[in-house]
Amino acid sequence: MKGYIIWPSYLDKGLSKKNGRKLPKNLSLDHPKYDEIKKALESIGLNYEGEKSSRYPKDQGHDERISGRFIVEKKYSKNEILKKISKEIRKSRGGA
């Protein structure tokens, strides 16, 4: 499948933009988990392939960081997809 690659680090509030965060801090999440992102993609209705053992290149040597990545269909822009994932995870965590 060709599509956007989405790493959990893109959504992680604890990372700087230099270290991989793609969303502004107010839209980012505390330690997004692989399974949360998977459920969010299913809720949004996007086709994806998950690779749980992949590691974000900037995370090499940081064992505490989440591994895994998703290849997501290009139905929306990459930034829109990240915002939708963040919104879904916030809902599932009981936030707004």
Protein backbone atom coordinates (compact mmCIF):
# COMPACT_ATOMS: atom_id res chain seq x y z
CA MET A 1 0.00 0.00 0.00
CA LYS A 2 1.23 3.47 -0.83
CA GLY A 3 0.29 6.15 1.64
CA TYR A 4 1.45 8.43 4.42
CA ILE A 5 3.67 7.00 7.13
CA ILE A 6 2.41 7.88 10.60
CA TRP A 7 4.68 7.33 13.61
CA PRO A 8 3.42 7.64 17.21
CA SER A 9 6.17 10.22 17.77
CA TYR A 10 4.32 12.60 15.42
CA LEU A 11 1.58 12.91 18.06
CA ASP A 12 3.70 12.88 21.24
CA LYS A 13 3.42 16.06 23.31
CA GLY A 14 6.63 15.21 25.16
CA LEU A 15 8.76 15.57 22.03
CA SER A 16 9.99 18.75 20.40
CA LYS A 17 9.32 19.38 16.73
CA LYS A 18 13.03 18.78 16.17
CA ASN A 19 12.64 15.28 17.66
CA GLY A 20 9.65 14.33 15.52
CA ARG A 21 6.41 15.90 16.80
CA LYS A 22 4.31 17.15 13.87
CA LEU A 23 1.31 18.67 15.65
CA PRO A 24 1.25 21.79 17.83
CA LYS A 25 1.48 20.99 21.55
CA ASN A 26 -2.17 21.92 22.17
CA LEU A 27 -3.25 19.16 19.74
CA SER A 28 -0.61 16.61 20.74
CA LEU A 29 -1.06 13.75 23.21
CA ASP A 30 0.75 12.42 26.25
CA HIS A 31 2.44 9.18 25.18
CA PRO A 32 0.16 7.99 22.36
CA LYS A 33 0.09 4.21 22.17
CA TYR A 34 0.18 2.03 19.07
CA ASP A 35 -3.19 0.44 19.90
CA GLU A 36 -4.82 3.85 20.48
CA ILE A 37 -3.70 5.03 17.05
CA LYS A 38 -4.94 1.77 15.50
CA LYS A 39 -8.40 2.22 17.06
CA ALA A 40 -8.50 5.88 16.00
CA LEU A 41 -7.72 4.98 12.38
CA GLU A 42 -10.49 2.38 12.45
CA SER A 43 -12.94 4.93 13.91
CA ILE A 44 -12.04 7.47 11.23
CA GLY A 45 -12.53 4.79 8.57
CA LEU A 46 -9.11 4.99 6.98
CA ASN A 47 -7.40 2.00 5.40
CA TYR A 48 -3.99 1.34 6.88
CA GLU A 49 -1.25 -1.21 7.41
CA GLY A 50 0.38 -1.40 10.81
CA GLU A 51 3.96 -2.43 11.54
CA LYS A 52 4.31 -2.79 15.30
CA SER A 53 8.03 -3.60 15.37
CA SER A 54 9.21 -0.60 13.28
CA ARG A 55 11.09 2.19 15.09
CA TYR A 56 11.08 5.86 14.18
CA PRO A 57 14.64 6.70 13.09
CA LYS A 58 14.96 9.61 15.56
CA ASP A 59 13.92 7.24 18.39
CA GLN A 60 16.88 4.89 17.94
CA GLY A 61 18.54 4.39 21.31
CA HIS A 62 15.45 5.53 23.24
CA ASP A 63 13.93 2.29 24.49
CA GLU A 64 11.16 4.10 26.38
CA ARG A 65 9.62 5.48 23.20
CA ILE A 66 6.74 3.79 21.42
CA SER A 67 7.60 1.56 18.48
CA GLY A 68 5.40 0.94 15.48
CA ARG A 69 4.22 2.81 12.45
CA PHE A 70 1.22 2.97 10.17
CA ILE A 71 0.95 3.37 6.43
CA VAL A 72 -2.31 5.24 5.93
CA GLU A 73 -4.29 5.84 2.75
CA LYS A 74 -4.07 9.37 1.35
CA LYS A 75 -7.73 10.28 1.82
CA TYR A 76 -6.90 13.58 3.57
CA SER A 77 -3.70 15.59 3.97
CA LYS A 78 -1.17 14.13 6.40
CA ASN A 79 -1.75 16.99 8.83
CA GLU A 80 -5.54 16.47 8.72
CA ILE A 81 -5.07 12.76 9.43
CA LEU A 82 -2.85 13.52 12.43
CA LYS A 83 -5.45 15.97 13.79
CA LYS A 84 -8.24 13.43 13.31
CA ILE A 85 -6.22 10.72 15.09
CA SER A 86 -5.49 13.10 17.96
CA LYS A 87 -9.17 14.04 18.25
CA GLU A 88 -10.28 10.39 18.30
CA ILE A 89 -7.74 9.43 20.96
CA ARG A 90 -8.77 12.41 23.11
CA LYS A 91 -12.39 11.24 22.84
CA SER A 92 -11.49 7.68 23.81
CA ARG A 93 -9.45 8.95 26.78
CA GLY A 94 -12.46 10.93 27.97
CA GLY A 95 -11.25 14.35 26.85
CA ALA A 96 -12.63 16.82 24.34
